[in-house]
Protein backbone atom coordinates (compact mmCIF):
# COMPACT_ATOMS: atom_id res chain seq x y z
CA MET A 1 -113.59 -222.74 71.19
CA PRO A 2 -113.82 -225.20 68.91
CA TYR A 3 -110.42 -224.72 67.53
CA LEU A 4 -109.14 -226.84 70.43
CA ILE A 5 -111.78 -229.92 69.81
CA SER A 6 -111.38 -229.65 66.03
CA PRO A 7 -108.79 -232.66 64.59
CA LEU A 8 -107.62 -229.82 61.50
CA ASP A 9 -106.06 -227.43 63.30
CA ILE A 10 -101.93 -226.18 62.63
CA SER A 11 -100.99 -229.63 64.17
CA PRO A 12 -103.67 -232.84 63.83
CA ASP A 13 -104.50 -234.13 66.96
CA PHE A 14 -103.89 -237.52 65.52
CA ILE A 15 -100.56 -237.15 65.99
CA PRO A 16 -99.24 -237.87 69.37
CA ILE A 17 -98.21 -235.66 71.89
CA ILE A 18 -97.21 -232.96 69.01
CA GLY A 19 -101.37 -232.55 68.20
CA GLN A 20 -101.39 -231.67 71.43
CA ILE A 21 -99.25 -229.49 71.76
CA ASP A 22 -100.89 -226.36 70.33
CA ASP A 23 -103.66 -226.78 71.64
CA VAL A 24 -101.71 -226.83 74.58
CA LEU A 25 -100.04 -223.38 73.79
CA LEU A 26 -103.48 -221.96 72.91
CA LEU A 27 -105.37 -223.29 75.81
CA SER A 28 -102.55 -221.86 77.63
CA LEU A 29 -102.72 -217.76 76.07
CA PHE A 30 -106.20 -217.87 76.37
CA VAL A 31 -106.35 -218.86 79.22
CA SER A 32 -103.87 -215.68 80.18
CA GLU A 33 -105.52 -213.17 78.76
CA VAL A 34 -108.64 -213.98 79.95
CA SER A 35 -107.61 -213.55 83.42
CA SER A 36 -105.96 -210.20 82.69
CA LEU A 37 -108.51 -208.62 81.06
CA VAL A 38 -110.38 -209.56 84.29
CA LEU A 39 -108.03 -208.39 86.37
CA ASP A 40 -107.94 -205.03 84.63
CA GLY A 41 -111.66 -204.62 84.89
CA TRP A 42 -111.66 -205.44 88.48
CA LYS A 43 -109.32 -203.63 88.88
CA ALA A 44 -110.19 -200.49 87.39
CA LYS A 45 -113.44 -201.10 88.90
CA LYS A 46 -111.12 -200.39 92.33
CA GLY A 47 -109.59 -197.62 91.73
CA THR A 48 -112.91 -195.44 90.70
CA VAL A 49 -114.75 -197.27 94.03
CA GLU A 50 -111.23 -195.63 95.95
CA ASN A 51 -111.17 -192.43 93.86
CA SER A 52 -114.28 -191.60 94.62
CA THR A 53 -113.49 -192.31 98.88
CA THR A 54 -111.87 -189.00 98.71
CA ASN A 55 -112.85 -186.75 101.71
CA PRO A 56 -113.67 -183.39 100.61
CA ALA A 57 -114.00 -181.18 103.23
CA ASN A 58 -110.22 -181.73 104.48
CA HIS A 59 -108.91 -182.50 101.33
CA ALA A 60 -107.68 -185.95 102.03
CA PRO A 61 -106.52 -188.63 99.82
CA ALA A 62 -108.03 -191.33 98.49
CA ALA A 63 -106.69 -195.01 100.32
CA GLY A 64 -103.49 -195.76 98.38
CA GLU A 65 -102.81 -192.67 96.75
CA THR A 66 -99.18 -191.30 96.91
CA VAL A 67 -98.73 -187.52 98.67
CA ASP A 68 -95.46 -185.59 98.20
CA VAL A 69 -94.76 -183.58 101.61
CA ASP A 70 -91.04 -182.39 101.60
CA SER A 71 -89.30 -183.18 104.45
CA ILE A 72 -86.63 -181.25 107.05
CA PRO A 73 -84.57 -182.24 109.64
CA VAL A 74 -85.24 -182.03 113.53
CA LYS A 75 -83.13 -181.53 116.40
């Protein structure tokens, strides 16, 4: 990100502390967005693998899939 090393930005870097605040905020925003995209991609990839493991012979749900059942009291 050239913005982080550029001396010309919202608050110039030659101003002590204030100059680095916008850089730190943008860097943290960048890291959080990239990590979110990576995690979403990983979860999507993991979800397609889990959904493909459904056993068609006994109609068993994939691992982690919720199954709705009715309960009855036992005496």
